[in-house]
PDB file of N, CA and C in Angstrom:
ATOM      1  N   MET A   1    -118.237 -65.278-115.235  1.00  0.00           N
ATOM      2  CA  MET A   1    -116.902 -65.717-114.909  1.00  0.00           C
ATOM      3  C   MET A   1    -116.277 -64.683-113.966  1.00  0.00           C
ATOM      4  N   THR A   2    -115.716 -65.190-112.939  1.00  0.00           N
ATOM      5  CA  THR A   2    -115.099 -64.268-111.983  1.00  0.00           C
ATOM      6  C   THR A   2    -113.705 -63.879-112.457  1.00  0.00           C
ATOM      7  N   ARG A   3    -113.221 -62.892-111.804  1.00  0.00           N
ATOM      8  CA  ARG A   3    -111.890 -62.407-112.153  1.00  0.00           C
ATOM      9  C   ARG A   3    -110.828 -63.474-111.889  1.00  0.00           C
ATOM     10  N   ARG A   4    -111.008 -64.186-110.816  1.00  0.00           N
ATOM     11  CA  ARG A   4    -110.050 -65.234-110.450  1.00  0.00           C
ATOM     12  C   ARG A   4    -110.066 -66.359-111.478  1.00  0.00           C
ATOM     13  N   THR A   5    -111.211 -66.772-111.942  1.00  0.00           N
ATOM     14  CA  THR A   5    -111.320 -67.832-112.945  1.00  0.00           C
ATOM     15  C   THR A   5    -110.681 -67.393-114.253  1.00  0.00           C
ATOM     16  N   LEU A   6    -110.937 -66.161-114.627  1.00  0.00           N
ATOM     17  CA  LEU A   6    -110.334 -65.629-115.843  1.00  0.00           C
ATOM     18  C   LEU A   6    -108.804 -65.616-115.733  1.00  0.00           C
ATOM     19  N   PHE A   7    -108.300 -65.251-114.558  1.00  0.00           N
ATOM     20  CA  PHE A   7    -106.856 -65.247-114.338  1.00  0.00           C
ATOM     21  C   PHE A   7    -106.284 -66.660-114.442  1.00  0.00           C
ATOM     22  N   VAL A   8    -106.968 -67.625-113.865  1.00  0.00           N
ATOM     23  CA  VAL A   8    -106.490 -69.018-113.903  1.00  0.00           C
ATOM     24  C   VAL A   8    -106.480 -69.534-115.342  1.00  0.00           C
ATOM     25  N   TYR A   9    -107.523 -69.262-116.108  1.00  0.00           N
ATOM     26  CA  TYR A   9    -107.558 -69.696-117.514  1.00  0.00           C
ATOM     27  C   TYR A   9    -106.467 -68.998-118.344  1.00  0.00           C
ATOM     28  N   SER A  10    -106.279 -67.720-118.083  1.00  0.00           N
ATOM     29  CA  SER A  10    -105.232 -66.985-118.803  1.00  0.00           C
ATOM     30  C   SER A  10    -103.852 -67.549-118.470  1.00  0.00           C
ATOM     31  N   LEU A  11    -103.634 -67.833-117.206  1.00  0.00           N
ATOM     32  CA  LEU A  11    -102.357 -68.406-116.783  1.00  0.00           C
ATOM     33  C   LEU A  11    -102.153 -69.787-117.407  1.00  0.00           C
ATOM     34  N   ALA A  12    -103.212 -70.591-117.445  1.00  0.00           N
ATOM     35  CA  ALA A  12    -103.119 -71.923-118.060  1.00  0.00           C
ATOM     36  C   ALA A  12    -102.800 -71.807-119.550  1.00  0.00           C
ATOM     37  N   LEU A  13    -103.406 -70.839-120.223  1.00  0.00           N
ATOM     38  CA  LEU A  13    -103.134 -70.636-121.648  1.00  0.00           C
ATOM     39  C   LEU A  13    -101.684 -70.209-121.872  1.00  0.00           C
ATOM     40  N   VAL A  14    -101.199 -69.287-121.058  1.00  0.00           N
ATOM     41  CA  VAL A  14     -99.810 -68.833-121.178  1.00  0.00           C
ATOM     42  C   VAL A  14     -98.857 -69.999-120.929  1.00  0.00           C
ATOM     43  N   LEU A  15     -99.131 -70.796-119.917  1.00  0.00           N
ATOM     44  CA  LEU A  15     -98.275 -71.947-119.619  1.00  0.00           C
ATOM     45  C   LEU A  15     -98.319 -72.981-120.737  1.00  0.00           C
ATOM     46  N   ALA A  16     -99.488 -73.194-121.317  1.00  0.00           N
ATOM     47  CA  ALA A  16     -99.599 -74.142-122.435  1.00  0.00           C
ATOM     48  C   ALA A  16     -98.804 -73.647-123.639  1.00  0.00           C
ATOM     49  N   LEU A  17     -98.901 -72.360-123.939  1.00  0.00           N
ATOM     50  CA  LEU A  17     -98.121 -71.795-125.047  1.00  0.00           C
ATOM     51  C   LEU A  17     -96.624 -71.880-124.765  1.00  0.00           C
ATOM     52  N   PHE A  18     -96.239 -71.641-123.517  1.00  0.00           N
ATOM     53  CA  PHE A  18     -94.831 -71.751-123.151  1.00  0.00           C
ATOM     54  C   PHE A  18     -94.347 -73.194-123.302  1.00  0.00           C
ATOM     55  N   LEU A  19     -95.194 -74.148-122.940  1.00  0.00           N
ATOM     56  CA  LEU A  19     -94.838 -75.561-123.083  1.00  0.00           C
ATOM     57  C   LEU A  19     -94.634 -75.919-124.554  1.00  0.00           C
ATOM     58  N   VAL A  20     -95.518 -75.452-125.411  1.00  0.00           N
ATOM     59  CA  VAL A  20     -95.373 -75.711-126.848  1.00  0.00           C
ATOM     60  C   VAL A  20     -94.085 -75.076-127.362  1.00  0.00           C
ATOM     61  N   TYR A  21     -93.815 -73.840-126.946  1.00  0.00           N
ATOM     62  CA  TYR A  21     -92.593 -73.158-127.374  1.00  0.00           C
ATOM     63  C   TYR A  21     -91.353 -73.936-126.927  1.00  0.00           C
ATOM     64  N   THR A  22     -91.354 -74.399-125.680  1.00  0.00           N
ATOM     65  CA  THR A  22     -90.178 -75.141-125.197  1.00  0.00           C
ATOM     66  C   THR A  22     -90.005 -76.457-125.931  1.00  0.00           C
ATOM     67  N   ARG A  23     -91.076 -77.122-126.235  1.00  0.00           N
ATOM     68  CA  ARG A  23     -90.959 -78.393-126.975  1.00  0.00           C
ATOM     69  C   ARG A  23     -90.421 -78.168-128.381  1.00  0.00           C
ATOM     70  N   VAL A  24     -90.906 -77.143-129.053  1.00  0.00           N
ATOM     71  CA  VAL A  24     -90.424 -76.837-130.406  1.00  0.00           C
ATOM     72  C   VAL A  24     -88.947 -76.459-130.356  1.00  0.00           C
ATOM     73  N   THR A  25     -88.580 -75.631-129.391  1.00  0.00           N
ATOM     74  CA  THR A  25     -87.179 -75.228-129.244  1.00  0.00           C
ATOM     75  C   THR A  25     -86.301 -76.429-128.922  1.00  0.00           C
ATOM     76  N   THR A  26     -86.760 -77.287-128.034  1.00  0.00           N
ATOM     77  CA  THR A  26     -85.998 -78.481-127.669  1.00  0.00           C
ATOM     78  C   THR A  26     -85.798 -79.383-128.878  1.00  0.00           C
ATOM     79  N   HIS A  27     -86.829 -79.566-129.655  1.00  0.00           N
ATOM     80  CA  HIS A  27     -86.721 -80.414-130.849  1.00  0.00           C
ATOM     81  C   HIS A  27     -85.740 -79.812-131.853  1.00  0.00           C
ATOM     82  N   SER A  28     -85.809 -78.511-132.031  1.00  0.00           N
ATOM     83  CA  SER A  28     -84.889 -77.837-132.948  1.00  0.00           C
ATOM     84  C   SER A  28     -83.447 -77.988-132.474  1.00  0.00           C
ATOM     85  N   LEU A  29     -83.227 -77.809-131.188  1.00  0.00           N
ATOM     86  CA  LEU A  29     -81.875 -77.966-130.642  1.00  0.00           C
ATOM     87  C   LEU A  29     -81.393 -79.409-130.747  1.00  0.00           C
ATOM     88  N   TYR A  30     -82.297 -80.365-130.592  1.00  0.00           N
ATOM     89  CA  TYR A  30     -81.934 -81.772-130.727  1.00  0.00           C
ATOM     90  C   TYR A  30     -81.495 -82.077-132.160  1.00  0.00           C
ATOM     91  N   LEU A  31     -82.209 -81.525-133.129  1.00  0.00           N
ATOM     92  CA  LEU A  31     -81.817 -81.725-134.526  1.00  0.00           C
ATOM     93  C   LEU A  31     -80.452 -81.099-134.806  1.00  0.00           C
ATOM     94  N   GLN A  32     -80.201 -79.923-134.239  1.00  0.00           N
ATOM     95  CA  GLN A  32     -78.892 -79.289-134.400  1.00  0.00           C
ATOM     96  C   GLN A  32     -77.801 -80.139-133.761  1.00  0.00           C
ATOM     97  N   LEU A  33     -78.097 -80.700-132.596  1.00  0.00           N
ATOM     98  CA  LEU A  33     -77.133 -81.561-131.912  1.00  0.00           C
ATOM     99  C   LEU A  33     -76.792 -82.776-132.758  1.00  0.00           C
ATOM    100  N   GLN A  34     -77.796 -83.401-133.348  1.00  0.00           N
ATOM    101  CA  GLN A  34     -77.548 -84.559-134.204  1.00  0.00           C
ATOM    102  C   GLN A  34     -76.685 -84.181-135.405  1.00  0.00           C
ATOM    103  N   ALA A  35     -76.962 -83.031-136.002  1.00  0.00           N
ATOM    104  CA  ALA A  35     -76.166 -82.584-137.151  1.00  0.00           C
ATOM    105  C   ALA A  35     -74.724 -82.326-136.735  1.00  0.00           C
ATOM    106  N   LEU A  36     -74.533 -81.718-135.579  1.00  0.00           N
ATOM    107  CA  LEU A  36     -73.177 -81.450-135.100  1.00  0.00           C
ATOM    108  C   LEU A  36     -72.440 -82.737-134.740  1.00  0.00           C
ATOM    109  N   GLN A  37     -73.144 -83.708-134.182  1.00  0.00           N
ATOM    110  CA  GLN A  37     -72.508 -84.989-133.875  1.00  0.00           C
ATOM    111  C   GLN A  37     -72.092 -85.706-135.151  1.00  0.00           C
ATOM    112  N   GLN A  38     -72.912 -85.625-136.177  1.00  0.00           N
ATOM    113  CA  GLN A  38     -72.551 -86.224-137.463  1.00  0.00           C
ATOM    114  C   GLN A  38     -71.330 -85.523-138.046  1.00  0.00           C
ATOM    115  N   GLN A  39     -71.315 -84.207-137.933  1.00  0.00           N
ATOM    116  CA  GLN A  39     -70.167 -83.440-138.430  1.00  0.00           C
ATOM    117  C   GLN A  39     -68.907 -83.810-137.652  1.00  0.00           C
ATOM    118  N   ARG A  40     -69.030 -83.975-136.330  1.00  0.00           N
ATOM    119  CA  ARG A  40     -67.888 -84.392-135.512  1.00  0.00           C
ATOM    120  C   ARG A  40     -67.377 -85.752-135.951  1.00  0.00           C
ATOM    121  N   ASP A  41     -68.285 -86.686-136.200  1.00  0.00           N
ATOM    122  CA  ASP A  41     -67.886 -88.015-136.653  1.00  0.00           C
ATOM    123  C   ASP A  41     -67.178 -87.943-138.004  1.00  0.00           C
ATOM    124  N   ASP A  42     -67.691 -87.112-138.897  1.00  0.00           N
ATOM    125  CA  ASP A  42     -67.041 -86.933-140.201  1.00  0.00           C
ATOM    126  C   ASP A  42     -65.637 -86.357-140.036  1.00  0.00           C
ATOM    127  N   PHE A  43     -65.501 -85.390-139.123  1.00  0.00           N
ATOM    128  CA  PHE A  43     -64.183 -84.804-138.878  1.00  0.00           C
ATOM    129  C   PHE A  43     -63.226 -85.832-138.278  1.00  0.00           C
ATOM    130  N   ASN A  44     -63.730 -86.695-137.406  1.00  0.00           N
ATOM    131  CA  ASN A  44     -62.878 -87.735-136.823  1.00  0.00           C
ATOM    132  C   ASN A  44     -62.387 -88.705-137.888  1.00  0.00           C
ATOM    133  N   VAL A  45     -63.248 -89.060-138.829  1.00  0.00           N
ATOM    134  CA  VAL A  45     -62.840 -89.932-139.932  1.00  0.00           C
ATOM    135  C   VAL A  45     -61.780 -89.229-140.776  1.00  0.00           C
ATOM    136  N   GLU A  46     -62.010 -87.962-141.073  1.00  0.00           N
ATOM    137  CA  GLU A  46     -61.046 -87.177-141.850  1.00  0.00           C
ATOM    138  C   GLU A  46     -59.712 -87.070-141.113  1.00  0.00           C
ATOM    139  N   TRP A  47     -59.762 -86.868-139.792  1.00  0.00           N
ATOM    140  CA  TRP A  47     -58.546 -86.770-138.986  1.00  0.00           C
ATOM    141  C   TRP A  47     -57.746 -88.072-139.058  1.00  0.00           C
ATOM    142  N   GLY A  48     -58.423 -89.191-138.951  1.00  0.00           N
ATOM    143  CA  GLY A  48     -57.741 -90.480-139.057  1.00  0.00           C
ATOM    144  C   GLY A  48     -57.100 -90.662-140.422  1.00  0.00           C
ATOM    145  N   ARG A  49     -57.809 -90.258-141.464  1.00  0.00           N
ATOM    146  CA  ARG A  49     -57.261 -90.365-142.816  1.00  0.00           C
ATOM    147  C   ARG A  49     -56.028 -89.485-142.970  1.00  0.00           C
ATOM    148  N   LEU A  50     -56.085 -88.287-142.412  1.00  0.00           N
ATOM    149  CA  LEU A  50     -54.945 -87.376-142.502  1.00  0.00           C
ATOM    150  C   LEU A  50     -53.744 -87.883-141.704  1.00  0.00           C
ATOM    151  N   LEU A  51     -53.995 -88.523-140.567  1.00  0.00           N
ATOM    152  CA  LEU A  51     -52.891 -89.100-139.795  1.00  0.00           C
ATOM    153  C   LEU A  51     -52.197 -90.205-140.575  1.00  0.00           C
ATOM    154  N   LEU A  52     -52.985 -91.042-141.246  1.00  0.00           N
ATOM    155  CA  LEU A  52     -52.392 -92.096-142.070  1.00  0.00           C
ATOM    156  C   LEU A  52     -51.591 -91.501-143.222  1.00  0.00           C
ATOM    157  N   GLN A  53     -52.125 -90.473-143.834  1.00  0.00           N
ATOM    158  CA  GLN A  53     -51.434 -89.820-144.944  1.00  0.00           C
ATOM    159  C   GLN A  53     -50.131 -89.181-144.457  1.00  0.00           C
ATOM    160  N   GLU A  54     -50.168 -88.558-143.290  1.00  0.00           N
ATOM    161  CA  GLU A  54     -48.963 -87.948-142.732  1.00  0.00           C
ATOM    162  C   GLU A  54     -47.895 -89.006-142.455  1.00  0.00           C
ATOM    163  N   ALA A  55     -48.310 -90.138-141.899  1.00  0.00           N
ATOM    164  CA  ALA A  55     -47.360 -91.215-141.622  1.00  0.00           C
ATOM    165  C   ALA A  55     -46.751 -91.732-142.922  1.00  0.00           C
ATOM    166  N   ARG A  56     -47.543 -91.828-143.948  1.00  0.00           N
ATOM    167  CA  ARG A  56     -47.045 -92.303-145.245  1.00  0.00           C
ATOM    168  C   ARG A  56     -46.024 -91.331-145.822  1.00  0.00           C
ATOM    169  N   TYR A  57     -46.331 -90.038-145.738  1.00  0.00           N
ATOM    170  CA  TYR A  57     -45.425 -89.033-146.290  1.00  0.00           C
ATOM    171  C   TYR A  57     -44.115 -88.949-145.506  1.00  0.00           C
ATOM    172  N   ALA A  58     -44.101 -89.394-144.270  1.00  0.00           N
ATOM    173  CA  ALA A  58     -42.892 -89.329-143.452  1.00  0.00           C
ATOM    174  C   ALA A  58     -41.978 -90.532-143.674  1.00  0.00           C
ATOM    175  N   GLU A  59     -42.435 -91.546-144.376  1.00  0.00           N
ATOM    176  CA  GLU A  59     -41.617 -92.737-144.611  1.00  0.00           C
ATOM    177  C   GLU A  59     -40.473 -92.406-145.567  1.00  0.00           C
ATOM    178  N   PRO A  60     -39.245 -92.819-145.218  1.00  0.00           N
ATOM    179  CA  PRO A  60     -38.102 -92.558-146.103  1.00  0.00           C
ATOM    180  C   PRO A  60     -38.293 -93.141-147.503  1.00  0.00           C
ATOM    181  N   ARG A  61     -38.904 -94.302-147.595  1.00  0.00           N
ATOM    182  CA  ARG A  61     -39.118 -94.925-148.906  1.00  0.00           C
ATOM    183  C   ARG A  61     -39.994 -94.043-149.790  1.00  0.00           C
ATOM    184  N   TYR A  62     -41.047 -93.478-149.222  1.00  0.00           N
ATOM    185  CA  TYR A  62     -41.938 -92.606-149.992  1.00  0.00           C
ATOM    186  C   TYR A  62     -41.210 -91.330-150.411  1.00  0.00           C
ATOM    187  N   ILE A  63     -40.429 -90.757-149.483  1.00  0.00           N
ATOM    188  CA  ILE A  63     -39.694 -89.526-149.796  1.00  0.00           C
ATOM    189  C   ILE A  63     -38.711 -89.779-150.933  1.00  0.00           C
ATOM    190  N   GLU A  64     -37.985 -90.893-150.852  1.00  0.00           N
ATOM    191  CA  GLU A  64     -37.012 -91.211-151.902  1.00  0.00           C
ATOM    192  C   GLU A  64     -37.701 -91.446-153.244  1.00  0.00           C
ATOM    193  N   LYS A  65     -38.780 -92.199-153.228  1.00  0.00           N
ATOM    194  CA  LYS A  65     -39.509 -92.489-154.465  1.00  0.00           C
ATOM    195  C   LYS A  65     -40.030 -91.200-155.103  1.00  0.00           C
ATOM    196  N   THR A  66     -40.572 -90.318-154.297  1.00  0.00           N
ATOM    197  CA  THR A  66     -41.096 -89.050-154.804  1.00  0.00           C
ATOM    198  C   THR A  66     -39.969 -88.168-155.334  1.00  0.00           C
ATOM    199  N   ALA A  67     -38.831 -88.158-154.639  1.00  0.00           N
ATOM    200  CA  ALA A  67     -37.692 -87.353-155.093  1.00  0.00           C
ATOM    201  C   ALA A  67     -37.181 -87.857-156.440  1.00  0.00           C
ATOM    202  N   ARG A  68     -37.153 -89.160-156.603  1.00  0.00           N
ATOM    203  CA  ARG A  68     -36.692 -89.716-157.883  1.00  0.00           C
ATOM    204  C   ARG A  68     -37.692 -89.423-159.005  1.00  0.00           C
ATOM    205  N   ARG A  69     -38.963 -89.655-158.724  1.00  0.00           N
ATOM    206  CA  ARG A  69     -39.983 -89.542-159.762  1.00  0.00           C
ATOM    207  C   ARG A  69     -40.277 -88.093-160.131  1.00  0.00           C
ATOM    208  N   LYS A  70     -40.513 -87.250-159.147  1.00  0.00           N
ATOM    209  CA  LYS A  70     -40.952 -85.882-159.440  1.00  0.00           C
ATOM    210  C   LYS A  70     -39.796 -84.920-159.678  1.00  0.00           C
ATOM    211  N   LEU A  71     -38.681 -85.138-158.987  1.00  0.00           N
ATOM    212  CA  LEU A  71     -37.576 -84.187-159.091  1.00  0.00           C
ATOM    213  C   LEU A  71     -36.395 -84.724-159.892  1.00  0.00           C
ATOM    214  N   GLY A  72     -36.449 -85.995-160.251  1.00  0.00           N
ATOM    215  CA  GLY A  72     -35.363 -86.581-161.025  1.00  0.00           C
ATOM    216  C   GLY A  72     -34.070 -86.730-160.235  1.00  0.00           C
ATOM    217  N   MET A  73     -34.171 -86.823-158.922  1.00  0.00           N
ATOM    218  CA  MET A  73     -32.979 -86.933-158.086  1.00  0.00           C
ATOM    219  C   MET A  73     -32.452 -88.366-158.110  1.00  0.00           C
ATOM    220  N   ILE A  74     -31.142 -88.503-158.009  1.00  0.00           N
ATOM    221  CA  ILE A  74     -30.494 -89.819-157.960  1.00  0.00           C
ATOM    222  C   ILE A  74     -29.400 -89.767-156.905  1.00  0.00           C
ATOM    223  N   TYR A  75     -28.978 -90.960-156.463  1.00  0.00           N
ATOM    224  CA  TYR A  75     -27.839 -91.019-155.558  1.00  0.00           C
ATOM    225  C   TYR A  75     -26.583 -90.681-156.349  1.00  0.00           C
ATOM    226  N   PRO A  76     -25.660 -89.916-155.758  1.00  0.00           N
ATOM    227  CA  PRO A  76     -24.419 -89.605-156.472  1.00  0.00           C
ATOM    228  C   PRO A  76     -23.517 -90.843-156.532  1.00  0.00           C
ATOM    229  N   ALA A  77     -22.690 -90.892-157.580  1.00  0.00           N
ATOM    230  CA  ALA A  77     -21.715 -91.981-157.690  1.00  0.00           C
ATOM    231  C   ALA A  77     -20.649 -91.781-156.618  1.00  0.00           C
ATOM    232  N   ARG A  78     -19.924 -92.852-156.329  1.00  0.00           N
ATOM    233  CA  ARG A  78     -18.921 -92.794-155.273  1.00  0.00           C
ATOM    234  C   ARG A  78     -17.888 -91.691-155.539  1.00  0.00           C
ATOM    235  N   GLU A  79     -17.497 -91.527-156.788  1.00  0.00           N
ATOM    236  CA  GLU A  79     -16.490 -90.508-157.105  1.00  0.00           C
ATOM    237  C   GLU A  79     -17.041 -89.082-157.018  1.00  0.00           C
ATOM    238  N   GLN A  80     -18.336 -88.936-156.935  1.00  0.00           N
ATOM    239  CA  GLN A  80     -18.940 -87.607-156.815  1.00  0.00           C
ATOM    240  C   GLN A  80     -19.071 -87.163-155.355  1.00  0.00           C
ATOM    241  N   ILE A  81     -18.777 -88.050-154.435  1.00  0.00           N
ATOM    242  CA  ILE A  81     -18.932 -87.745-153.011  1.00  0.00           C
ATOM    243  C   ILE A  81     -17.611 -87.235-152.465  1.00  0.00           C
ATOM    244  N   SER A  82     -17.646 -86.116-151.779  1.00  0.00           N
ATOM    245  CA  SER A  82     -16.456 -85.559-151.129  1.00  0.00           C
ATOM    246  C   SER A  82     -16.709 -85.491-149.632  1.00  0.00           C
ATOM    247  N   VAL A  83     -15.744 -85.934-148.858  1.00  0.00           N
ATOM    248  CA  VAL A  83     -15.838 -85.872-147.403  1.00  0.00           C
ATOM    249  C   VAL A  83     -14.987 -84.703-146.945  1.00  0.00           C
ATOM    250  N   ILE A  84     -15.552 -83.835-146.191  1.00  0.00           N
ATOM    251  CA  ILE A  84     -14.837 -82.662-145.691  1.00  0.00           C
ATOM    252  C   ILE A  84     -14.672 -82.828-144.194  1.00  0.00           C
ATOM    253  N   ARG A  85     -13.431 -82.761-143.754  1.00  0.00           N
ATOM    254  CA  ARG A  85     -13.152 -82.897-142.322  1.00  0.00           C
ATOM    255  C   ARG A  85     -12.934 -81.503-141.739  1.00  0.00           C
ATOM    256  N   LEU A  86     -13.610 -81.257-140.651  1.00  0.00           N
ATOM    257  CA  LEU A  86     -13.471 -79.968-139.979  1.00  0.00           C
ATOM    258  C   LEU A  86     -12.421 -80.082-138.884  1.00  0.00           C
ATOM    259  N   PRO A  87     -11.633 -79.018-138.681  1.00  0.00           N
ATOM    260  CA  PRO A  87     -10.589 -79.090-137.640  1.00  0.00           C
ATOM    261  C   PRO A  87     -11.165 -79.066-136.240  1.00  0.00           C
TER     262      PRO A  87
END
C-alpha cells in the first residue's frame, strides 16, 4: 500500500466517523427540539387557561360574590351611608 492510498483510506475513515457523529448529534438535537416544542405547546395551553382565569377574577360579579362569601361583606343600609361634600 502506498502512502497516498493509506492517506485516502485514513481520510475516508475520518470522514465516515465525522458523518456518524453528525447524524447522532442531529438526531439528539431533533429530539430536544421536539421536547421543547411540546413544552411550548403546554405553556401556551397554560397561558390560555390563566388568561381565562384572570378575566373571571376581574368580573365585578365574581369579586362581589367572593367578598360576600369569604369576607362576610355586605352592602351598607341606606342610613349607614354618609355623603361628604368637599368645598
